[in-house]
N, C-alpha and C. Protein backbone atom coordinates (compact mmCIF):
# COMPACT_ATOMS: atom_id res chain seq x y z
N MET A 1 1.00 -1.13 -0.12
CA MET A 1 0.16 0.00 -0.27
C MET A 1 0.91 1.19 0.12
N ASP A 2 0.58 1.88 -0.95
CA ASP A 2 1.74 3.26 -1.15
C ASP A 2 1.81 4.05 -0.10
N PHE A 3 0.62 4.64 0.34
CA PHE A 3 0.33 5.33 1.49
C PHE A 3 1.01 4.93 2.96
N ILE A 4 1.40 3.88 2.96
CA ILE A 4 1.84 3.21 4.18
C ILE A 4 3.34 3.26 3.85
N LYS A 5 4.00 3.14 2.76
CA LYS A 5 5.32 3.57 2.41
C LYS A 5 5.67 4.79 2.67
N GLU A 6 4.67 5.57 2.06
CA GLU A 6 4.96 7.17 2.14
C GLU A 6 4.86 7.64 3.49
N ALA A 7 4.21 6.84 4.48
CA ALA A 7 4.13 7.24 5.57
C ALA A 7 5.65 6.84 6.32
N TYR A 8 6.09 5.80 5.91
CA TYR A 8 7.32 5.31 6.76
C TYR A 8 8.39 6.51 6.13
N LYS A 9 8.46 6.80 5.01
CA LYS A 9 9.47 7.90 4.62
C LYS A 9 9.15 8.99 5.35
N VAL A 10 8.14 9.55 5.50
CA VAL A 10 7.74 10.91 6.71
C VAL A 10 8.40 10.60 7.59
N LYS A 11 8.05 9.36 8.54
CA LYS A 11 8.22 8.85 10.13
C LYS A 11 9.88 8.87 9.78
N ALA A 12 10.54 8.12 9.12
CA ALA A 12 11.91 8.06 8.86
C ALA A 12 12.82 9.34 8.74
N ALA A 13 12.27 9.99 8.05
CA ALA A 13 13.15 11.46 7.91
C ALA A 13 12.79 12.27 9.41
N THR A 14 11.90 11.93 10.12
CA THR A 14 12.04 12.65 11.09
C THR A 14 12.75 12.00 12.35
N VAL A 15 12.81 10.71 12.32
CA VAL A 15 13.76 9.95 13.29
C VAL A 15 15.19 10.30 12.60
N ILE A 16 15.62 10.13 11.40
CA ILE A 16 17.09 10.57 10.90
C ILE A 16 17.61 11.96 11.25
N LYS A 17 16.61 12.73 11.37
CA LYS A 17 16.79 14.25 11.75
C LYS A 17 16.98 13.99 13.23
N ASN A 18 16.65 13.49 14.09
CA ASN A 18 16.72 13.53 15.31
C ASN A 18 17.97 12.85 15.50
N LEU A 19 18.22 11.60 15.24
CA LEU A 19 19.82 11.02 15.18
C LEU A 19 20.79 11.54 15.08
N GLU A 20 20.67 12.30 14.20
CA GLU A 20 21.86 13.41 13.78
C GLU A 20 21.84 14.18 14.58
N LYS A 21 21.08 14.74 15.32
CA LYS A 21 21.05 15.67 16.49
C LYS A 21 21.84 14.80 17.56
N ARG A 22 21.79 13.45 17.75
CA ARG A 22 22.51 13.10 18.78
C ARG A 22 23.60 12.32 18.32
N GLN A 23 24.27 12.75 17.38
CA GLN A 23 25.37 12.47 16.93
C GLN A 23 25.50 10.86 16.19
N MET A 24 24.11 10.11 15.72
CA MET A 24 24.36 9.21 14.78
C MET A 24 23.77 9.26 13.85
N GLU A 25 24.25 8.23 12.75
CA GLU A 25 23.90 8.25 11.37
C GLU A 25 22.84 7.51 11.07
N GLY A 26 21.87 8.27 10.16
CA GLY A 26 20.68 7.55 9.91
C GLY A 26 20.49 7.41 8.42
N TYR A 27 19.71 6.47 8.22
CA TYR A 27 19.51 5.63 6.71
C TYR A 27 18.15 5.23 6.63
N TYR A 28 17.47 5.59 5.36
CA TYR A 28 16.58 4.64 5.38
C TYR A 28 16.48 3.87 3.92
N CYS A 29 15.80 3.03 4.16
CA CYS A 29 16.00 1.95 2.82
C CYS A 29 14.48 1.44 2.76
N GLU A 30 13.91 1.46 1.67
CA GLU A 30 12.56 0.88 1.35
C GLU A 30 12.37 -0.48 1.54
N THR A 31 13.38 -1.28 1.14
CA THR A 31 13.58 -2.57 0.92
C THR A 31 15.00 -3.36 1.99
N VAL A 32 14.57 -4.90 2.32
CA VAL A 32 15.55 -5.45 2.95
C VAL A 32 16.76 -5.44 2.08
N LYS A 33 16.72 -5.92 0.47
CA LYS A 33 17.71 -5.73 -0.39
C LYS A 33 18.34 -4.47 -0.24
N GLU A 34 17.70 -3.03 0.00
CA GLU A 34 18.84 -1.76 0.04
C GLU A 34 19.44 -2.01 0.98
N ALA A 35 18.64 -2.42 1.98
CA ALA A 35 19.45 -2.20 3.51
C ALA A 35 20.51 -2.79 3.37
N VAL A 36 20.70 -4.42 3.19
CA VAL A 36 21.92 -4.92 2.88
C VAL A 36 23.29 -4.44 2.53
N ASP A 37 22.64 -3.63 1.01
CA ASP A 37 23.44 -3.11 0.32
C ASP A 37 24.13 -2.06 0.91
N LYS A 38 23.33 -1.37 1.97
CA LYS A 38 23.80 -0.45 2.69
C LYS A 38 24.78 -0.62 3.72
N VAL A 39 24.20 -1.77 4.39
CA VAL A 39 25.22 -2.31 5.44
C VAL A 39 26.65 -3.00 4.85
N MET A 40 26.61 -3.53 3.86
CA MET A 40 28.04 -3.88 3.05
C MET A 40 28.68 -3.01 2.52
N SER A 41 28.23 -1.59 2.27
CA SER A 41 28.86 -0.42 2.10
C SER A 41 29.36 0.40 3.07
N LEU A 42 29.02 -0.09 4.46
CA LEU A 42 29.83 0.45 5.37
C LEU A 42 30.95 -0.31 6.30
N ILE A 43 30.86 -1.47 5.40
CA ILE A 43 32.13 -2.53 5.80
C ILE A 43 33.10 -2.68 5.09
N LYS A 44 34.48 -2.63 5.60
CA LYS A 44 35.43 -2.86 4.52
C LYS A 44 35.70 -4.50 4.11
N GLN A 45 36.72 -4.54 3.31
CA GLN A 45 36.88 -5.92 3.27
C GLN A 45 37.42 -6.36 4.16
N ASP A 46 38.51 -5.56 4.78
CA ASP A 46 39.64 -6.03 6.06
C ASP A 46 39.03 -5.76 7.46
N ASP A 47 37.49 -5.79 7.66
CA ASP A 47 37.11 -5.40 8.77
C ASP A 47 36.84 -6.88 9.36
N ILE A 48 36.72 -7.03 10.77
CA ILE A 48 36.18 -8.18 11.46
C ILE A 48 34.97 -7.86 11.80
N VAL A 49 33.98 -8.55 11.54
CA VAL A 49 32.55 -8.35 11.97
C VAL A 49 32.08 -9.40 13.20
N GLY A 50 31.34 -8.64 13.96
CA GLY A 50 30.52 -9.52 14.89
C GLY A 50 29.19 -9.25 15.03
N TRP A 51 28.35 -9.99 15.89
CA TRP A 51 27.05 -9.37 16.07
C TRP A 51 26.67 -10.19 17.41
N GLY A 52 25.46 -9.75 17.97
CA GLY A 52 24.70 -10.02 19.12
C GLY A 52 23.61 -10.93 18.57
N GLY A 53 22.70 -11.46 19.37
CA GLY A 53 21.51 -12.25 19.22
C GLY A 53 20.49 -11.23 18.88
N SER A 54 19.97 -11.28 17.30
CA SER A 54 19.00 -10.41 16.66
C SER A 54 18.49 -11.39 15.31
N THR A 55 17.25 -11.25 15.88
CA THR A 55 16.12 -12.09 14.73
C THR A 55 15.99 -11.34 13.53
N THR A 56 16.55 -9.55 13.78
CA THR A 56 16.55 -9.16 12.29
C THR A 56 17.44 -9.21 11.37
N ILE A 57 18.70 -9.34 12.06
CA ILE A 57 20.21 -9.70 11.51
C ILE A 57 20.13 -11.21 10.88
N ASP A 58 19.26 -11.93 11.06
CA ASP A 58 19.35 -13.13 10.68
C ASP A 58 18.41 -13.36 9.76
N GLN A 59 17.20 -12.59 9.78
CA GLN A 59 15.99 -12.35 8.73
C GLN A 59 16.90 -11.80 7.34
N ILE A 60 17.61 -10.88 7.43
CA ILE A 60 17.87 -10.15 6.33
C ILE A 60 19.03 -11.05 5.39
N GLY A 61 19.55 -11.80 5.99
CA GLY A 61 20.45 -12.68 5.15
C GLY A 61 21.93 -12.29 5.02
N ILE A 62 22.41 -11.15 5.95
CA ILE A 62 23.56 -10.84 5.75
C ILE A 62 24.61 -11.63 6.37
N LYS A 63 24.60 -12.45 7.31
CA LYS A 63 25.48 -13.36 7.64
C LYS A 63 26.25 -14.39 6.33
N LYS A 64 25.28 -14.90 5.77
CA LYS A 64 25.76 -15.64 4.59
C LYS A 64 26.34 -14.65 3.72
N LEU A 65 26.02 -13.65 3.21
CA LEU A 65 26.95 -12.67 2.13
C LEU A 65 28.23 -12.37 2.62
N LEU A 66 28.17 -11.90 3.82
CA LEU A 66 29.73 -11.90 4.79
C LEU A 66 30.52 -12.76 4.33
N GLU A 67 30.03 -14.18 4.57
CA GLU A 67 30.80 -15.35 4.41
C GLU A 67 31.27 -15.49 2.72
N GLU A 68 30.32 -15.49 2.14
CA GLU A 68 30.73 -15.35 0.64
C GLU A 68 31.45 -14.35 0.14
N ARG A 69 31.91 -13.18 0.62
CA ARG A 69 32.88 -12.18 0.42
C ARG A 69 33.96 -12.39 1.22
N LYS A 70 34.05 -13.40 1.86
CA LYS A 70 35.23 -14.16 2.66
C LYS A 70 35.47 -12.79 4.01
N ILE A 71 34.68 -11.95 4.31
CA ILE A 71 35.15 -11.16 5.31
C ILE A 71 34.95 -11.72 6.67
N THR A 72 36.06 -11.62 7.71
CA THR A 72 36.21 -12.31 8.79
C THR A 72 35.22 -11.92 9.78
N VAL A 73 34.48 -12.85 10.42
CA VAL A 73 33.54 -12.64 11.33
C VAL A 73 33.99 -13.46 12.74
N TYR A 74 33.43 -13.15 13.73
CA TYR A 74 33.08 -13.38 15.07
C TYR A 74 31.92 -14.20 15.23
N ASP A 75 31.57 -15.45 14.83
CA ASP A 75 30.07 -16.13 14.92
C ASP A 75 30.01 -16.97 15.85
N ARG A 76 29.32 -16.56 17.01
CA ARG A 76 29.04 -17.48 18.44
C ARG A 76 28.25 -18.53 18.23
N ASP A 77 27.25 -18.37 17.16
CA ASP A 77 26.28 -19.26 16.48
C ASP A 77 27.31 -20.92 15.81
N LYS A 78 28.19 -20.60 15.49
CA LYS A 78 29.26 -21.98 15.15
C LYS A 78 29.92 -22.75 16.49
N GLU A 79 29.46 -21.92 17.60
CA GLU A 79 30.26 -22.79 18.93
C GLU A 79 29.21 -23.57 19.44
N THR A 80 29.77 -24.76 19.50
CA THR A 80 28.62 -25.53 20.13
C THR A 80 29.08 -25.98 21.66
N ASP A 81 30.18 -25.88 22.13
CA ASP A 81 30.72 -25.71 23.57
C ASP A 81 30.25 -24.59 24.05
N PRO A 82 29.57 -24.37 25.39
CA PRO A 82 28.78 -23.13 26.24
C PRO A 82 30.26 -22.35 26.42
N LYS A 83 31.00 -22.70 26.62
CA LYS A 83 32.33 -21.80 27.16
C LYS A 83 33.10 -21.27 26.16
N GLU A 84 33.15 -22.02 24.78
CA GLU A 84 33.73 -21.01 23.73
C GLU A 84 32.79 -20.19 23.16
N LYS A 85 31.71 -20.24 23.29
CA LYS A 85 30.48 -19.25 22.55
C LYS A 85 30.64 -18.27 23.46
N VAL A 86 30.61 -18.07 24.62
CA VAL A 86 31.05 -17.13 25.75
C VAL A 86 32.10 -16.18 25.23
N LYS A 87 33.19 -16.96 25.08
CA LYS A 87 34.75 -16.77 24.36
C LYS A 87 34.23 -16.02 23.24
N MET A 88 33.73 -16.42 22.35
CA MET A 88 33.43 -15.53 20.99
C MET A 88 32.40 -14.61 20.89
N MET A 89 31.47 -14.69 21.98
CA MET A 89 30.54 -13.12 22.16
C MET A 89 31.75 -12.23 23.14
N LYS A 90 32.26 -12.59 23.77
CA LYS A 90 33.62 -11.31 24.10
C LYS A 90 34.23 -10.78 22.90
N LYS A 91 35.11 -11.87 22.33
CA LYS A 91 35.49 -11.55 20.94
C LYS A 91 34.89 -10.46 20.33
N ALA A 92 33.55 -10.50 19.98
CA ALA A 92 32.89 -9.75 19.26
C ALA A 92 32.52 -8.24 19.62
N LEU A 93 32.64 -8.25 21.08
CA LEU A 93 32.88 -7.00 21.67
C LEU A 93 34.35 -6.18 21.33
N THR A 94 35.33 -6.65 20.65
CA THR A 94 36.47 -5.91 20.02
C THR A 94 36.46 -5.86 18.46
N ALA A 95 35.26 -6.53 17.57
CA ALA A 95 35.27 -6.53 16.56
C ALA A 95 35.22 -4.87 15.85
N ASP A 96 35.71 -4.79 14.84
CA ASP A 96 35.70 -3.45 13.96
C ASP A 96 33.91 -2.93 13.77
N VAL A 97 33.43 -3.90 13.42
CA VAL A 97 31.75 -3.61 12.95
C VAL A 97 30.86 -4.54 14.13
N PHE A 98 30.41 -4.03 14.52
CA PHE A 98 29.07 -4.88 15.50
C PHE A 98 27.60 -5.00 14.72
N LEU A 99 27.23 -5.91 14.17
CA LEU A 99 25.77 -5.71 13.63
C LEU A 99 24.65 -5.84 14.81
N THR A 100 23.81 -5.20 14.58
CA THR A 100 22.60 -5.61 15.71
C THR A 100 21.58 -5.15 14.94
N SER A 101 20.38 -5.17 16.16
CA SER A 101 19.07 -4.27 16.06
C SER A 101 19.14 -3.43 16.99
N ALA A 102 17.80 -3.04 17.52
CA ALA A 102 17.12 -2.51 18.33
C ALA A 102 15.97 -2.85 18.70
N ASN A 103 15.45 -2.85 20.23
CA ASN A 103 14.19 -3.49 20.62
C ASN A 103 13.11 -2.30 20.15
N ALA A 104 13.48 -0.94 20.00
CA ALA A 104 12.44 0.05 20.38
C ALA A 104 13.41 1.09 19.83
N ILE A 105 12.87 2.19 18.81
CA ILE A 105 13.36 3.55 18.48
C ILE A 105 12.21 4.74 18.69
N THR A 106 12.80 5.52 19.37
CA THR A 106 11.79 6.69 19.63
C THR A 106 11.72 7.50 18.45
N MET A 107 10.61 8.17 18.36
CA MET A 107 10.71 9.18 16.91
C MET A 107 11.45 10.63 17.25
N GLU A 108 11.93 10.75 18.59
CA GLU A 108 12.89 11.60 18.72
C GLU A 108 14.47 11.33 18.67
N GLY A 109 14.57 9.54 18.18
CA GLY A 109 15.94 9.08 17.59
C GLY A 109 16.73 8.31 19.11
N GLU A 110 15.57 7.92 20.03
CA GLU A 110 16.18 7.36 21.11
C GLU A 110 16.38 5.52 20.87
N LEU A 111 17.36 4.89 20.75
CA LEU A 111 17.70 3.71 20.91
C LEU A 111 17.28 2.96 22.37
N ILE A 112 16.44 2.07 22.15
CA ILE A 112 15.86 1.25 23.45
C ILE A 112 16.18 -0.39 23.14
N ASN A 113 17.11 -0.82 24.33
CA ASN A 113 17.18 -2.02 24.09
C ASN A 113 17.44 -2.92 25.67
N ILE A 114 16.74 -3.98 25.46
CA ILE A 114 16.52 -4.82 26.56
C ILE A 114 17.40 -6.31 26.36
N ASP A 115 17.97 -6.74 27.33
CA ASP A 115 19.13 -7.84 27.35
C ASP A 115 19.19 -8.69 28.44
N GLY A 116 19.45 -10.05 28.14
CA GLY A 116 19.33 -10.89 29.16
C GLY A 116 20.99 -10.97 29.64
N ASN A 117 22.06 -11.33 28.90
CA ASN A 117 23.16 -11.45 29.07
C ASN A 117 24.19 -9.99 29.29
N GLY A 118 23.73 -9.31 28.56
CA GLY A 118 24.13 -7.65 28.65
C GLY A 118 25.35 -7.82 27.37
N ASN A 119 25.67 -8.68 26.60
CA ASN A 119 26.93 -8.58 25.42
C ASN A 119 26.29 -7.68 24.34
N ARG A 120 24.82 -7.64 24.03
CA ARG A 120 24.65 -7.01 23.27
C ARG A 120 24.24 -5.26 23.59
N VAL A 121 24.18 -5.15 24.42
CA VAL A 121 24.04 -3.50 24.97
C VAL A 121 25.56 -3.04 25.54
N ALA A 122 26.24 -3.69 25.80
CA ALA A 122 27.63 -3.83 25.99
C ALA A 122 28.31 -2.92 24.42
N ALA A 123 27.89 -3.88 23.75
CA ALA A 123 28.69 -3.36 22.13
C ALA A 123 28.08 -1.92 21.84
N TYR A 124 26.98 -1.68 22.13
CA TYR A 124 26.11 -0.37 22.05
C TYR A 124 27.21 0.57 22.71
N CYS A 125 27.61 0.26 23.85
CA CYS A 125 28.20 1.30 25.07
C CYS A 125 29.46 1.48 24.45
N TYR A 126 30.25 0.51 24.05
CA TYR A 126 31.88 0.68 24.19
C TYR A 126 32.28 -0.60 23.42
N GLY A 127 33.53 -0.47 22.48
CA GLY A 127 34.06 -1.69 21.93
C GLY A 127 34.24 -1.55 20.72
N PRO A 128 33.11 -2.06 19.75
CA PRO A 128 33.44 -1.88 18.40
C PRO A 128 33.76 -0.61 17.67
N ASN A 129 34.62 -0.50 16.75
CA ASN A 129 34.57 0.58 16.31
C ASN A 129 33.17 1.21 15.55
N SER A 130 32.81 0.33 14.89
CA SER A 130 31.57 0.91 14.40
C SER A 130 30.00 -0.06 14.66
N VAL A 131 28.98 0.34 15.07
CA VAL A 131 27.88 -0.07 15.38
C VAL A 131 26.34 -0.06 14.50
N ILE A 132 26.29 -1.00 13.73
CA ILE A 132 25.34 -1.10 12.59
C ILE A 132 24.07 -1.29 13.13
N VAL A 133 23.16 -0.63 13.32
CA VAL A 133 21.65 -0.81 13.70
C VAL A 133 20.74 -1.02 12.79
N VAL A 134 20.07 -2.42 12.31
CA VAL A 134 19.15 -2.29 11.42
C VAL A 134 17.65 -2.68 12.03
N ALA A 135 17.01 -1.66 11.78
CA ALA A 135 15.41 -2.03 11.96
C ALA A 135 14.39 -1.54 11.07
N GLY A 136 13.21 -2.65 11.25
CA GLY A 136 12.21 -2.37 10.80
C GLY A 136 11.42 -1.32 10.95
N MET A 137 10.57 -0.67 10.33
CA MET A 137 9.67 0.36 10.84
C MET A 137 8.71 0.13 11.81
N ASN A 138 8.52 -1.43 12.34
CA ASN A 138 7.78 -1.51 13.18
C ASN A 138 8.41 -1.33 14.69
N LYS A 139 9.59 -1.08 14.92
CA LYS A 139 10.27 -0.72 15.92
C LYS A 139 10.19 0.79 16.26
N LEU A 140 9.58 1.40 15.52
CA LEU A 140 9.38 2.84 15.75
C LEU A 140 7.89 3.32 16.82
N VAL A 141 8.54 3.78 17.87
CA VAL A 141 7.37 4.14 18.70
C VAL A 141 7.35 5.73 19.18
N THR A 142 6.32 6.17 19.73
CA THR A 142 6.47 7.48 20.10
C THR A 142 7.35 8.24 21.13
N ASP A 143 7.43 7.57 22.62
CA ASP A 143 8.48 8.11 23.58
C ASP A 143 8.89 6.79 24.02
N LEU A 144 9.83 7.17 25.32
CA LEU A 144 10.46 6.44 25.83
C LEU A 144 9.75 4.97 26.91
N ASP A 145 8.37 6.02 27.25
CA ASP A 145 7.68 5.05 28.12
C ASP A 145 7.35 3.83 27.38
N VAL A 146 6.69 4.22 26.28
CA VAL A 146 6.21 3.15 24.82
C VAL A 146 7.21 1.93 25.06
N ALA A 147 8.51 2.45 24.44
CA ALA A 147 9.48 2.33 23.95
C ALA A 147 9.79 0.56 24.86
N ILE A 148 9.84 1.25 25.92
CA ILE A 148 10.29 0.11 27.26
C ILE A 148 9.26 -0.87 27.32
N LYS A 149 7.84 -0.52 27.68
CA LYS A 149 6.78 -1.41 27.57
C LYS A 149 6.93 -2.06 26.54
N LYS A 150 7.28 -1.46 25.05
CA LYS A 150 7.02 -2.41 23.92
C LYS A 150 8.92 -3.55 23.90
N ALA A 151 9.68 -2.99 24.44
CA ALA A 151 10.60 -4.10 24.75
C ALA A 151 10.19 -5.19 25.54
N ARG A 152 9.63 -4.97 26.60
CA ARG A 152 9.28 -5.90 27.64
C ARG A 152 8.16 -6.87 27.32
N LEU A 153 7.15 -6.19 26.03
CA LEU A 153 6.07 -7.11 25.81
C LEU A 153 6.67 -7.83 24.28
N ASP A 154 6.86 -7.54 23.57
CA ASP A 154 7.20 -7.72 21.97
C ASP A 154 8.71 -8.45 21.97
N ALA A 155 9.57 -8.00 22.62
CA ALA A 155 10.83 -8.32 22.57
C ALA A 155 11.37 -9.68 23.81
N SER A 156 10.68 -9.65 25.37
CA SER A 156 10.92 -10.42 26.13
C SER A 156 10.18 -11.53 25.91
N VAL A 157 8.87 -11.62 25.70
CA VAL A 157 8.08 -12.45 25.69
C VAL A 157 8.53 -13.68 24.52
N PRO A 158 8.75 -13.25 23.27
CA PRO A 158 9.04 -14.22 22.13
C PRO A 158 10.42 -14.59 22.46
N ASN A 159 11.27 -13.96 23.24
CA ASN A 159 12.70 -14.35 23.40
C ASN A 159 12.65 -15.68 24.44
N ALA A 160 11.91 -15.29 25.39
CA ALA A 160 11.84 -16.66 26.50
C ALA A 160 11.17 -17.77 25.63
N ILE A 161 10.33 -17.58 24.59
CA ILE A 161 9.83 -18.93 24.29
C ILE A 161 10.87 -19.39 23.37
N ARG A 162 11.74 -18.57 22.68
CA ARG A 162 13.00 -18.78 21.77
C ARG A 162 14.00 -19.25 22.62
N THR A 163 14.20 -19.13 23.63
CA THR A 163 15.43 -19.64 24.53
C THR A 163 14.68 -20.56 25.63
N ASN A 164 13.60 -20.69 25.40
CA ASN A 164 13.01 -21.78 26.40
C ASN A 164 13.41 -21.32 27.85
N SER A 165 13.11 -20.33 28.18
CA SER A 165 13.34 -19.62 29.61
C SER A 165 12.14 -19.99 30.25
N LYS A 166 12.71 -20.30 31.61
CA LYS A 166 11.15 -20.27 32.50
C LYS A 166 10.89 -19.07 33.25
N ALA A 167 11.28 -17.89 33.03
CA ALA A 167 10.47 -16.31 33.06
C ALA A 167 9.32 -16.80 33.56
N PRO A 168 8.53 -15.93 33.92
CA PRO A 168 7.19 -16.01 34.05
C PRO A 168 6.47 -15.42 32.90
N CYS A 169 7.14 -14.69 32.12
CA CYS A 169 6.47 -13.88 30.82
C CYS A 169 6.19 -15.53 29.88
N TYR A 170 6.83 -16.35 30.03
CA TYR A 170 7.28 -17.41 29.29
C TYR A 170 5.74 -18.36 29.48
N PHE A 171 5.18 -17.86 30.62
CA PHE A 171 3.85 -18.71 30.78
C PHE A 171 2.67 -17.85 30.55
N THR A 172 3.07 -16.44 30.93
CA THR A 172 1.70 -15.53 31.03
C THR A 172 1.84 -14.73 29.75
N GLY A 173 2.86 -14.44 28.99
CA GLY A 173 2.67 -13.53 28.18
C GLY A 173 2.68 -12.01 28.11
N LYS A 174 3.16 -11.90 29.49
CA LYS A 174 3.41 -10.53 30.18
C LYS A 174 4.53 -10.42 31.13
N CYS A 175 5.33 -9.18 31.13
CA CYS A 175 6.41 -9.33 31.59
C CYS A 175 5.97 -8.84 33.40
N ALA A 176 6.55 -9.57 34.04
CA ALA A 176 6.54 -9.77 35.46
C ALA A 176 7.12 -9.08 36.44
N ASP A 177 8.43 -8.25 35.60
CA ASP A 177 9.67 -7.64 36.39
C ASP A 177 10.04 -8.53 37.32
N CYS A 178 10.48 -9.67 37.16
CA CYS A 178 11.30 -10.74 37.63
C CYS A 178 12.50 -10.73 37.77
N THR A 179 13.12 -11.34 38.99
CA THR A 179 14.25 -11.33 39.24
C THR A 179 14.46 -13.03 39.42
N MET A 180 14.22 -13.41 38.33
CA MET A 180 14.90 -15.26 38.27
C MET A 180 16.17 -14.92 37.66
N ALA A 181 16.54 -16.13 37.74
CA ALA A 181 18.04 -16.41 36.68
C ALA A 181 17.75 -16.88 35.49
N ASP A 182 16.62 -16.71 35.34
CA ASP A 182 16.29 -17.19 33.70
C ASP A 182 15.88 -15.85 32.98
N THR A 183 15.57 -14.50 33.78
CA THR A 183 15.13 -13.40 33.34
C THR A 183 15.90 -13.01 32.24
N LEU A 184 14.92 -12.32 31.25
CA LEU A 184 15.95 -11.89 29.94
C LEU A 184 15.82 -10.30 29.95
N CYS A 185 15.66 -9.83 31.07
CA CYS A 185 15.76 -8.62 30.92
C CYS A 185 16.49 -8.14 32.42
N SER A 186 17.75 -8.35 31.99
CA SER A 186 18.97 -8.19 33.06
C SER A 186 19.20 -6.64 32.89
N GLN A 187 19.57 -6.05 31.60
CA GLN A 187 20.08 -4.78 31.43
C GLN A 187 19.37 -4.15 30.50
N ILE A 188 18.55 -2.82 30.48
CA ILE A 188 17.68 -1.88 29.89
C ILE A 188 18.47 -0.78 29.68
N LEU A 189 19.10 -0.67 28.31
CA LEU A 189 19.71 0.22 27.76
C LEU A 189 19.26 1.30 27.16
N ILE A 190 19.13 2.71 27.62
CA ILE A 190 18.74 4.02 26.39
C ILE A 190 19.88 4.46 25.88
N THR A 191 19.91 4.52 24.62
CA THR A 191 21.06 4.95 23.96
C THR A 191 20.61 6.66 23.52
N ARG A 192 20.83 7.39 23.87
CA ARG A 192 20.26 8.80 23.58
C ARG A 192 21.10 9.97 23.10
N PHE A 193 22.42 9.43 23.19
CA PHE A 193 23.95 10.13 22.24
C PHE A 193 24.94 9.29 21.98
N CYS A 194 25.39 9.75 20.93
CA CYS A 194 26.35 8.79 20.78
C CYS A 194 27.92 9.10 20.36
N LYS A 195 28.77 8.80 21.33
CA LYS A 195 30.25 9.06 21.24
C LYS A 195 31.14 7.65 20.95
N PRO A 196 32.23 7.97 20.08
CA PRO A 196 32.46 9.15 19.12
C PRO A 196 31.22 9.26 18.18
N LYS A 197 31.24 10.56 17.62
CA LYS A 197 30.35 11.11 16.47
C LYS A 197 30.38 9.96 15.38
N ASN A 198 29.04 9.40 15.05
CA ASN A 198 28.69 8.82 13.83
C ASN A 198 29.07 7.41 14.31
N ARG A 199 29.56 7.12 15.55
CA ARG A 199 30.10 5.72 15.93
C ARG A 199 28.80 4.50 15.55
N ILE A 200 27.64 4.87 15.83
CA ILE A 200 26.51 4.18 15.75
C ILE A 200 25.78 4.66 14.40
N LYS A 201 25.41 3.86 13.70
CA LYS A 201 24.57 3.93 12.23
C LYS A 201 23.30 3.30 12.45
N VAL A 202 22.42 3.87 12.01
CA VAL A 202 20.95 3.43 12.21
C VAL A 202 20.61 3.45 10.49
N ILE A 203 19.97 1.99 10.26
CA ILE A 203 19.57 1.60 9.06
C ILE A 203 17.92 1.45 9.15
N LEU A 204 17.07 2.52 8.81
CA LEU A 204 15.47 2.12 9.28
C LEU A 204 15.14 1.46 7.91
N VAL A 205 14.60 0.65 7.94
CA VAL A 205 13.88 -0.36 6.89
C VAL A 205 12.17 -0.55 6.77
N GLY A 206 11.75 -0.07 5.50
CA GLY A 206 10.36 0.23 5.10
C GLY A 206 9.94 -1.24 5.27
N GLU A 207 10.02 -2.34 6.04
CA GLU A 207 9.61 -3.47 6.02
C GLU A 207 9.31 -3.87 7.83
N TYR A 208 8.57 -4.92 7.85
CA TYR A 208 8.24 -5.30 9.23
C TYR A 208 9.59 -6.48 9.66
N LEU A 209 10.25 -6.20 10.50
CA LEU A 209 11.62 -7.07 10.68
C LEU A 209 11.46 -7.17 12.46
N GLY A 210 12.23 -8.78 12.63
CA GLY A 210 12.31 -8.72 14.07
C GLY A 210 10.97 -8.52 14.95
N PHE A 211 11.15 -8.58 16.33
CA PHE A 211 9.66 -8.20 17.12
C PHE A 211 10.09 -7.37 18.25
């Protein structure tokens, strides 16, 4: 529907303007293909690339493309031993480029993420030289209050099911603000400004991606 696509463009323009005020680069791509091309244009052949757990990054197929182009990656998903997987997750924090998404993005250009282990939000804060965020337009919300509620409902509940967590939300579909060992809400990060400038790049995609 053309009017929805046009609405996406208008919303994206506002968000990108506000991202720039917060020293983040912003881009809008209508399709996943355009978004993947944009991501690849931001990665040099000699870069080392890492990522955290992200359904969006899995969906867009960029991992296979990186492999085809023989770009070095720190891929935790290929590790079967839990200890080696943790080591690879730590290595990803030293990568040149870190690929991720966001649980929610406000119209004011703030990025909200909720994390169980903390490795994904750690990369947002410090470590990789460049953090590339790919997010479907379904991740846009009005403000921080809505963003945190969205993260706890739309991200935590599916993740509980995906990881077979025994947190209360697995059974009720609703965040209980739990303090169980299985909680997926250990860290909640609001990224409201980027230092150094343009370290974080946000690619908004005019499709429904992730959750």
